[in-house]
């Protein structure tokens, strides 16, 4: 049996399995979606500094910080500005339909309902912060999809 015979045999074997037990047409798409929406995507959301003024922009001499977060399903742009009293104003824009957005800081939570993709939080004290975004789109299990940003300092 030569190499040509092996190729013919393997081709016949493949054709037999494709007829008897074909791969589901949407298997590749389902696997990509499953991996993309796994819990790890929340923790490894992209954090990109859009404006590079300083690494400690809000606590340094700069008075504004702009961040962008994305997990492949939604992108969020956040702009943080220091007020005269030392508190922060957090403005944001999201490109996905959302139910609610929460700003979490230690034990405290602020809530906002975005209008046309825009949201804002006033009087936010400095500290480690994270956004929790509940999207209108549901997961395969029927629960609301959500995006949690990595923690960032305001």
N, C-alpha and C. Protein backbone atom coordinates (compact mmCIF):
# COMPACT_ATOMS: atom_id res chain seq x y z
N UNK A 1 0.85 -1.17 0.00
CA UNK A 1 0.00 0.00 0.00
C UNK A 1 0.90 1.23 0.00
N UNK A 2 0.73 2.12 -0.98
CA UNK A 2 1.57 3.29 -1.11
C UNK A 2 0.90 4.53 -0.56
N UNK A 3 1.58 5.66 -0.73
CA UNK A 3 1.06 6.94 -0.23
C UNK A 3 -0.22 7.33 -0.95
N UNK A 4 -0.31 7.02 -2.24
CA UNK A 4 -1.53 7.35 -2.99
C UNK A 4 -2.72 6.54 -2.48
N UNK A 5 -2.46 5.26 -2.14
CA UNK A 5 -3.52 4.41 -1.60
C UNK A 5 -4.01 4.95 -0.26
N UNK A 6 -3.06 5.42 0.58
CA UNK A 6 -3.44 6.01 1.88
C UNK A 6 -4.31 7.24 1.70
N UNK A 7 -3.94 8.09 0.77
CA UNK A 7 -4.72 9.31 0.52
C UNK A 7 -6.12 8.98 0.06
N UNK A 8 -6.26 7.98 -0.82
CA UNK A 8 -7.58 7.56 -1.30
C UNK A 8 -8.40 6.99 -0.14
N UNK A 9 -7.75 6.17 0.69
CA UNK A 9 -8.44 5.58 1.84
C UNK A 9 -8.90 6.65 2.83
N UNK A 10 -8.02 7.61 3.15
CA UNK A 10 -8.39 8.68 4.07
C UNK A 10 -9.51 9.54 3.50
N UNK A 11 -9.47 9.81 2.21
CA UNK A 11 -10.53 10.60 1.56
C UNK A 11 -11.87 9.88 1.67
N UNK A 12 -11.87 8.56 1.42
CA UNK A 12 -13.10 7.77 1.51
C UNK A 12 -13.61 7.74 2.96
N UNK A 13 -12.70 7.62 3.91
CA UNK A 13 -13.07 7.61 5.32
C UNK A 13 -13.68 8.95 5.73
N UNK A 14 -13.05 10.05 5.30
CA UNK A 14 -13.59 11.39 5.60
C UNK A 14 -14.99 11.56 5.00
N UNK A 15 -15.16 11.18 3.75
CA UNK A 15 -16.45 11.31 3.07
C UNK A 15 -17.53 10.50 3.80
N UNK A 16 -17.16 9.30 4.27
CA UNK A 16 -18.10 8.45 5.00
C UNK A 16 -18.55 9.14 6.28
N UNK A 17 -17.61 9.68 7.07
CA UNK A 17 -17.96 10.34 8.32
C UNK A 17 -18.76 11.62 8.07
N UNK A 18 -18.45 12.35 7.00
CA UNK A 18 -19.21 13.57 6.69
C UNK A 18 -20.66 13.24 6.34
N UNK A 19 -20.89 12.06 5.74
CA UNK A 19 -22.26 11.65 5.41
C UNK A 19 -22.99 11.10 6.63
N UNK A 20 -22.30 10.31 7.44
CA UNK A 20 -22.94 9.67 8.59
C UNK A 20 -23.12 10.63 9.75
N UNK A 21 -22.10 11.40 10.08
CA UNK A 21 -22.13 12.30 11.24
C UNK A 21 -21.50 13.63 10.89
N UNK A 22 -22.22 14.46 10.12
CA UNK A 22 -21.63 15.73 9.70
C UNK A 22 -21.47 16.71 10.87
N UNK A 23 -20.48 17.58 10.72
CA UNK A 23 -20.26 18.62 11.72
C UNK A 23 -21.41 19.63 11.61
N UNK A 24 -21.99 20.07 12.74
CA UNK A 24 -23.05 21.09 12.67
C UNK A 24 -22.53 22.33 11.95
N UNK A 25 -23.37 22.91 11.12
CA UNK A 25 -22.96 24.05 10.28
C UNK A 25 -22.50 25.23 11.12
N UNK A 26 -23.09 25.41 12.30
CA UNK A 26 -22.75 26.59 13.11
C UNK A 26 -21.80 26.26 14.26
N UNK A 27 -21.14 25.11 14.22
CA UNK A 27 -20.26 24.71 15.32
C UNK A 27 -19.12 25.69 15.55
N UNK A 28 -18.46 26.11 14.49
CA UNK A 28 -17.33 27.02 14.64
C UNK A 28 -17.80 28.34 15.23
N UNK A 29 -18.91 28.90 14.72
CA UNK A 29 -19.43 30.16 15.24
C UNK A 29 -19.84 30.04 16.71
N UNK A 30 -20.47 28.92 17.08
CA UNK A 30 -20.87 28.73 18.48
C UNK A 30 -19.67 28.63 19.39
N UNK A 31 -18.63 27.94 18.95
CA UNK A 31 -17.43 27.81 19.78
C UNK A 31 -16.72 29.16 19.95
N UNK A 32 -16.63 29.94 18.88
CA UNK A 32 -16.01 31.26 18.98
C UNK A 32 -16.82 32.14 19.94
N UNK A 33 -18.15 32.11 19.82
CA UNK A 33 -19.00 32.91 20.71
C UNK A 33 -18.88 32.44 22.15
N UNK A 34 -18.80 31.15 22.35
CA UNK A 34 -18.68 30.61 23.71
C UNK A 34 -17.38 31.04 24.37
N UNK A 35 -16.30 30.97 23.64
CA UNK A 35 -15.00 31.37 24.18
C UNK A 35 -14.98 32.88 24.42
N UNK A 36 -15.56 33.64 23.49
CA UNK A 36 -15.54 35.10 23.61
C UNK A 36 -16.36 35.59 24.80
N UNK A 37 -17.39 34.85 25.19
CA UNK A 37 -18.25 35.30 26.28
C UNK A 37 -17.96 34.62 27.60
N UNK A 38 -16.90 33.86 27.66
CA UNK A 38 -16.53 33.21 28.91
C UNK A 38 -16.19 34.26 29.96
N UNK A 39 -16.24 33.89 31.20
CA UNK A 39 -15.97 34.83 32.29
C UNK A 39 -14.62 35.52 32.17
N UNK A 40 -13.66 34.86 31.57
CA UNK A 40 -12.35 35.47 31.44
C UNK A 40 -12.38 36.74 30.62
N UNK A 41 -13.32 36.83 29.67
CA UNK A 41 -13.37 38.04 28.84
C UNK A 41 -13.69 39.26 29.67
N UNK A 42 -14.42 39.08 30.75
CA UNK A 42 -14.72 40.23 31.63
C UNK A 42 -13.46 40.74 32.31
N UNK A 43 -12.65 39.81 32.80
CA UNK A 43 -11.46 40.20 33.54
C UNK A 43 -10.35 40.69 32.63
N UNK A 44 -10.32 40.20 31.40
CA UNK A 44 -9.27 40.59 30.48
C UNK A 44 -9.76 41.60 29.44
N UNK A 45 -10.78 42.39 29.81
CA UNK A 45 -11.26 43.43 28.90
C UNK A 45 -10.12 44.39 28.60
N UNK A 46 -10.11 44.85 27.40
CA UNK A 46 -9.01 45.74 27.02
C UNK A 46 -9.12 47.05 27.75
N UNK A 47 -8.01 47.49 28.30
CA UNK A 47 -7.92 48.78 28.96
C UNK A 47 -6.91 49.60 28.16
N UNK A 48 -7.40 50.64 27.55
CA UNK A 48 -6.55 51.44 26.69
C UNK A 48 -6.60 52.88 27.15
N UNK A 49 -5.45 53.43 27.41
CA UNK A 49 -5.40 54.85 27.73
C UNK A 49 -5.51 55.62 26.43
N UNK A 50 -6.55 56.41 26.31
CA UNK A 50 -6.76 57.17 25.09
C UNK A 50 -5.95 58.45 25.13
N UNK A 51 -5.94 59.11 26.28
CA UNK A 51 -5.11 60.31 26.40
C UNK A 51 -3.95 59.98 27.33
N UNK A 52 -2.77 60.20 26.88
CA UNK A 52 -1.56 59.84 27.63
C UNK A 52 -0.95 61.09 28.25
N UNK A 53 -1.57 61.63 29.29
CA UNK A 53 -1.00 62.81 29.92
C UNK A 53 0.03 62.41 30.96
N UNK A 54 -0.36 61.55 31.89
CA UNK A 54 0.53 60.99 32.90
C UNK A 54 -0.05 59.66 33.32
N UNK A 55 0.77 58.81 33.93
CA UNK A 55 0.23 57.53 34.40
C UNK A 55 -0.74 57.73 35.54
N UNK A 56 -0.48 58.67 36.43
CA UNK A 56 -1.38 58.96 37.54
C UNK A 56 -2.11 60.25 37.23
N UNK A 57 -2.82 60.29 36.13
CA UNK A 57 -3.36 61.53 35.61
C UNK A 57 -4.28 62.25 36.59
N UNK A 58 -5.20 61.54 37.22
CA UNK A 58 -6.16 62.22 38.08
C UNK A 58 -5.50 62.68 39.38
N UNK A 59 -4.60 61.90 39.91
CA UNK A 59 -3.94 62.28 41.16
C UNK A 59 -2.74 63.17 40.93
N UNK A 60 -2.28 63.27 39.71
CA UNK A 60 -1.13 64.11 39.39
C UNK A 60 -1.60 65.52 39.07
N UNK A 61 -0.77 66.22 38.31
CA UNK A 61 -1.09 67.60 37.95
C UNK A 61 -2.16 67.68 36.87
N UNK A 62 -2.35 66.64 36.11
CA UNK A 62 -3.37 66.67 35.06
C UNK A 62 -4.75 66.63 35.71
N UNK A 63 -5.73 67.19 35.03
CA UNK A 63 -7.06 67.26 35.63
C UNK A 63 -8.08 66.40 34.90
N UNK A 64 -7.67 65.56 33.97
CA UNK A 64 -8.60 64.69 33.25
C UNK A 64 -7.93 63.38 32.88
N UNK A 65 -8.75 62.34 32.79
CA UNK A 65 -8.29 61.01 32.41
C UNK A 65 -9.33 60.42 31.49
N UNK A 66 -8.91 59.85 30.38
CA UNK A 66 -9.84 59.21 29.46
C UNK A 66 -9.41 57.77 29.28
N UNK A 67 -10.36 56.84 29.45
CA UNK A 67 -10.09 55.41 29.35
C UNK A 67 -11.08 54.79 28.37
N UNK A 68 -10.64 53.71 27.73
CA UNK A 68 -11.54 52.97 26.85
C UNK A 68 -11.48 51.51 27.25
N UNK A 69 -12.66 50.88 27.38
CA UNK A 69 -12.75 49.47 27.72
C UNK A 69 -13.56 48.78 26.63
N UNK A 70 -13.19 47.52 26.33
CA UNK A 70 -13.94 46.76 25.34
C UNK A 70 -13.77 45.28 25.64
N UNK A 71 -14.83 44.52 25.40
CA UNK A 71 -14.72 43.06 25.54
C UNK A 71 -15.13 42.35 24.26
N UNK A 72 -15.26 43.10 23.18
CA UNK A 72 -15.66 42.50 21.90
C UNK A 72 -17.13 42.62 21.62
N UNK A 73 -17.96 42.76 22.65
CA UNK A 73 -19.39 42.94 22.44
C UNK A 73 -19.81 44.38 22.65
N UNK A 74 -19.09 45.09 23.48
CA UNK A 74 -19.41 46.49 23.78
C UNK A 74 -18.12 47.24 24.04
N UNK A 75 -18.13 48.53 23.69
CA UNK A 75 -17.00 49.41 23.98
C UNK A 75 -17.50 50.57 24.82
N UNK A 76 -16.71 50.93 25.83
CA UNK A 76 -17.07 52.01 26.74
C UNK A 76 -15.94 53.03 26.75
N UNK A 77 -16.29 54.29 26.62
CA UNK A 77 -15.33 55.38 26.74
C UNK A 77 -15.67 56.13 28.01
N UNK A 78 -14.69 56.31 28.90
CA UNK A 78 -14.91 56.95 30.20
C UNK A 78 -13.98 58.16 30.30
N UNK A 79 -14.54 59.28 30.73
CA UNK A 79 -13.77 60.51 30.91
C UNK A 79 -13.95 60.96 32.36
N UNK A 80 -12.83 61.10 33.09
CA UNK A 80 -12.86 61.46 34.50
C UNK A 80 -12.26 62.85 34.65
N UNK A 81 -12.99 63.74 35.34
CA UNK A 81 -12.52 65.11 35.56
C UNK A 81 -12.58 65.39 37.05
N UNK A 82 -11.53 66.00 37.59
CA UNK A 82 -11.49 66.36 39.00
C UNK A 82 -12.23 67.68 39.21
N UNK A 83 -13.04 67.74 40.26
CA UNK A 83 -13.74 68.97 40.62
C UNK A 83 -12.89 69.75 41.63
N UNK A 84 -13.27 70.99 41.89
CA UNK A 84 -12.52 71.84 42.81
C UNK A 84 -12.49 71.26 44.23
N UNK A 85 -13.56 70.55 44.62
CA UNK A 85 -13.62 70.00 45.98
C UNK A 85 -12.88 68.66 46.12
N UNK A 86 -12.21 68.20 45.07
CA UNK A 86 -11.46 66.95 45.14
C UNK A 86 -12.24 65.73 44.69
N UNK A 87 -13.54 65.86 44.55
CA UNK A 87 -14.34 64.74 44.05
C UNK A 87 -14.19 64.67 42.54
N UNK A 88 -14.77 63.65 41.93
CA UNK A 88 -14.64 63.43 40.49
C UNK A 88 -16.00 63.41 39.81
N UNK A 89 -16.00 63.79 38.55
CA UNK A 89 -17.16 63.60 37.69
C UNK A 89 -16.73 62.58 36.64
N UNK A 90 -17.54 61.52 36.49
CA UNK A 90 -17.24 60.46 35.53
C UNK A 90 -18.31 60.50 34.45
N UNK A 91 -17.90 60.83 33.23
CA UNK A 91 -18.79 60.81 32.07
C UNK A 91 -18.43 59.61 31.22
N UNK A 92 -19.43 59.01 30.60
CA UNK A 92 -19.14 57.85 29.77
C UNK A 92 -20.09 57.71 28.60
N UNK A 93 -19.62 56.93 27.63
CA UNK A 93 -20.41 56.64 26.44
C UNK A 93 -20.21 55.17 26.12
N UNK A 94 -21.30 54.49 25.74
CA UNK A 94 -21.24 53.06 25.41
C UNK A 94 -21.92 52.85 24.06
N UNK A 95 -21.39 51.92 23.26
CA UNK A 95 -21.91 51.70 21.92
C UNK A 95 -22.90 50.54 21.83
N UNK A 96 -23.31 49.97 22.96
CA UNK A 96 -24.26 48.86 22.97
C UNK A 96 -25.51 49.26 23.75
N UNK A 97 -26.64 48.64 23.41
CA UNK A 97 -27.88 48.90 24.14
C UNK A 97 -27.75 48.36 25.56
N UNK A 98 -28.00 49.22 26.55
CA UNK A 98 -27.80 48.83 27.95
C UNK A 98 -29.05 49.06 28.78
N UNK A 99 -29.17 48.26 29.83
CA UNK A 99 -30.27 48.40 30.79
C UNK A 99 -29.86 49.35 31.90
N UNK A 100 -28.65 49.15 32.42
CA UNK A 100 -28.16 50.00 33.50
C UNK A 100 -26.64 49.96 33.56
N UNK A 101 -26.09 50.97 34.23
CA UNK A 101 -24.65 51.04 34.45
C UNK A 101 -24.44 51.39 35.92
N UNK A 102 -23.57 50.64 36.56
CA UNK A 102 -23.25 50.90 37.96
C UNK A 102 -21.77 51.22 38.09
N UNK A 103 -21.46 52.21 38.91
CA UNK A 103 -20.09 52.54 39.25
C UNK A 103 -19.88 52.00 40.65
N UNK A 104 -18.94 51.07 40.80
CA UNK A 104 -18.71 50.41 42.08
C UNK A 104 -17.39 50.89 42.67
N UNK A 105 -17.43 51.22 43.95
CA UNK A 105 -16.23 51.68 44.66
C UNK A 105 -16.32 51.19 46.09
N UNK A 106 -15.49 50.22 46.45
CA UNK A 106 -15.55 49.58 47.76
C UNK A 106 -16.98 49.12 48.05
N UNK A 107 -17.57 49.62 49.11
CA UNK A 107 -18.92 49.21 49.51
C UNK A 107 -20.01 50.06 48.84
N UNK A 108 -19.65 51.11 48.16
CA UNK A 108 -20.61 52.07 47.62
C UNK A 108 -20.84 51.82 46.13
N UNK A 109 -22.10 52.05 45.68
CA UNK A 109 -22.47 51.86 44.29
C UNK A 109 -23.35 53.02 43.83
N UNK A 110 -23.05 53.56 42.66
CA UNK A 110 -23.88 54.57 42.02
C UNK A 110 -24.51 53.92 40.79
N UNK A 111 -25.76 54.27 40.49
CA UNK A 111 -26.45 53.70 39.34
C UNK A 111 -26.85 54.79 38.35
N UNK A 112 -26.85 54.43 37.09
CA UNK A 112 -27.29 55.35 36.04
C UNK A 112 -27.96 54.54 34.94
N UNK A 113 -28.95 55.16 34.31
CA UNK A 113 -29.59 54.59 33.13
C UNK A 113 -29.13 55.43 31.95
N UNK A 114 -28.38 54.85 31.04
CA UNK A 114 -27.84 55.65 29.94
C UNK A 114 -28.92 56.12 28.98
N UNK A 115 -28.75 57.34 28.51
CA UNK A 115 -29.65 57.89 27.49
C UNK A 115 -28.86 58.05 26.21
N UNK A 116 -29.26 57.34 25.17
CA UNK A 116 -28.58 57.39 23.87
C UNK A 116 -27.10 57.04 24.01
N UNK A 117 -26.79 56.10 24.91
CA UNK A 117 -25.42 55.66 25.09
C UNK A 117 -24.58 56.50 26.03
N UNK A 118 -25.13 57.59 26.56
CA UNK A 118 -24.36 58.48 27.44
C UNK A 118 -24.80 58.30 28.89
N UNK A 119 -23.82 58.35 29.82
CA UNK A 119 -24.12 58.26 31.25
C UNK A 119 -23.13 59.13 32.01
N UNK A 120 -23.46 59.47 33.25
CA UNK A 120 -22.58 60.33 34.06
C UNK A 120 -22.80 60.04 35.53
N UNK A 121 -21.74 60.22 36.32
CA UNK A 121 -21.78 60.10 37.78
C UNK A 121 -21.10 61.33 38.36
N UNK A 122 -21.78 62.03 39.27
CA UNK A 122 -21.23 63.22 39.93
C UNK A 122 -20.78 62.87 41.34
N UNK A 123 -19.91 63.71 41.89
CA UNK A 123 -19.47 63.62 43.28
C UNK A 123 -18.90 62.25 43.65
N UNK A 124 -18.05 61.72 42.81
CA UNK A 124 -17.42 60.43 43.07
C UNK A 124 -16.09 60.69 43.79
N UNK A 125 -15.89 60.10 44.97
CA UNK A 125 -14.61 60.30 45.67
C UNK A 125 -13.49 59.56 44.94
N UNK A 126 -12.26 59.98 45.18
CA UNK A 126 -11.14 59.28 44.54
C UNK A 126 -11.02 57.89 45.12
N UNK A 127 -10.47 56.98 44.33
CA UNK A 127 -10.29 55.61 44.78
C UNK A 127 -10.41 54.63 43.64
N UNK A 128 -10.21 53.35 43.96
CA UNK A 128 -10.31 52.30 42.95
C UNK A 128 -11.78 52.10 42.58
N UNK A 129 -12.04 52.06 41.29
CA UNK A 129 -13.40 52.07 40.78
C UNK A 129 -13.53 51.03 39.68
N UNK A 130 -14.75 50.56 39.47
CA UNK A 130 -15.04 49.63 38.38
C UNK A 130 -16.46 49.90 37.90
N UNK A 131 -16.70 49.67 36.60
CA UNK A 131 -18.03 49.81 36.04
C UNK A 131 -18.64 48.43 35.82
N UNK A 132 -19.91 48.32 36.12
CA UNK A 132 -20.69 47.10 35.83
C UNK A 132 -21.80 47.52 34.88
N UNK A 133 -21.78 46.99 33.68
CA UNK A 133 -22.72 47.38 32.64
C UNK A 133 -23.61 46.19 32.31
N UNK A 134 -24.93 46.37 32.47
CA UNK A 134 -25.88 45.32 32.13
C UNK A 134 -26.42 45.63 30.74
N UNK A 135 -26.15 44.72 29.81
CA UNK A 135 -26.56 44.91 28.42
C UNK A 135 -27.97 44.39 28.19
N UNK A 136 -28.66 44.96 27.21
CA UNK A 136 -30.01 44.49 26.87
C UNK A 136 -29.98 43.09 26.30
N UNK A 137 -28.92 42.77 25.58
CA UNK A 137 -28.78 41.46 24.97
C UNK A 137 -28.60 40.40 26.04
N UNK A 138 -29.36 39.32 25.96
CA UNK A 138 -29.28 38.24 26.96
C UNK A 138 -28.28 37.19 26.51
N UNK A 139 -27.76 36.45 27.47
CA UNK A 139 -26.86 35.33 27.16
C UNK A 139 -27.69 34.16 26.67
N UNK A 140 -27.01 33.08 26.27
CA UNK A 140 -27.72 31.89 25.81
C UNK A 140 -28.57 31.29 26.92
N UNK A 141 -28.18 31.49 28.18
CA UNK A 141 -28.94 30.96 29.31
C UNK A 141 -30.15 31.83 29.64
N UNK A 142 -30.30 32.97 28.95
CA UNK A 142 -31.44 33.84 29.19
C UNK A 142 -31.20 34.90 30.24
N UNK A 143 -30.03 34.91 30.86
CA UNK A 143 -29.72 35.92 31.86
C UNK A 143 -29.14 37.15 31.16
N UNK A 144 -29.27 38.32 31.75
CA UNK A 144 -28.73 39.53 31.11
C UNK A 144 -27.21 39.44 30.98
N UNK A 145 -26.71 39.83 29.82
CA UNK A 145 -25.27 39.86 29.62
C UNK A 145 -24.72 41.09 30.33
N UNK A 146 -23.53 40.98 30.86
CA UNK A 146 -22.94 42.13 31.53
C UNK A 146 -21.46 42.22 31.25
N UNK A 147 -20.95 43.42 31.37
CA UNK A 147 -19.54 43.71 31.19
C UNK A 147 -19.06 44.36 32.47
N UNK A 148 -17.98 43.83 33.03
CA UNK A 148 -17.34 44.43 34.20
C UNK A 148 -15.96 44.88 33.76
N UNK A 149 -15.68 46.16 33.94
CA UNK A 149 -14.38 46.68 33.57
C UNK A 149 -13.35 46.28 34.62
N UNK A 150 -12.09 46.26 34.25
CA UNK A 150 -11.05 46.11 35.27
C UNK A 150 -11.11 47.32 36.20
N UNK A 151 -10.56 47.21 37.38
CA UNK A 151 -10.55 48.35 38.31
C UNK A 151 -9.61 49.42 37.78
N UNK A 152 -10.01 50.66 37.97
CA UNK A 152 -9.20 51.79 37.59
C UNK A 152 -9.32 52.86 38.68
N UNK A 153 -8.35 53.72 38.77
CA UNK A 153 -8.34 54.72 39.83
C UNK A 153 -8.84 56.05 39.32
N UNK A 154 -9.79 56.62 40.09
CA UNK A 154 -10.27 57.98 39.77
C UNK A 154 -9.79 58.94 40.84
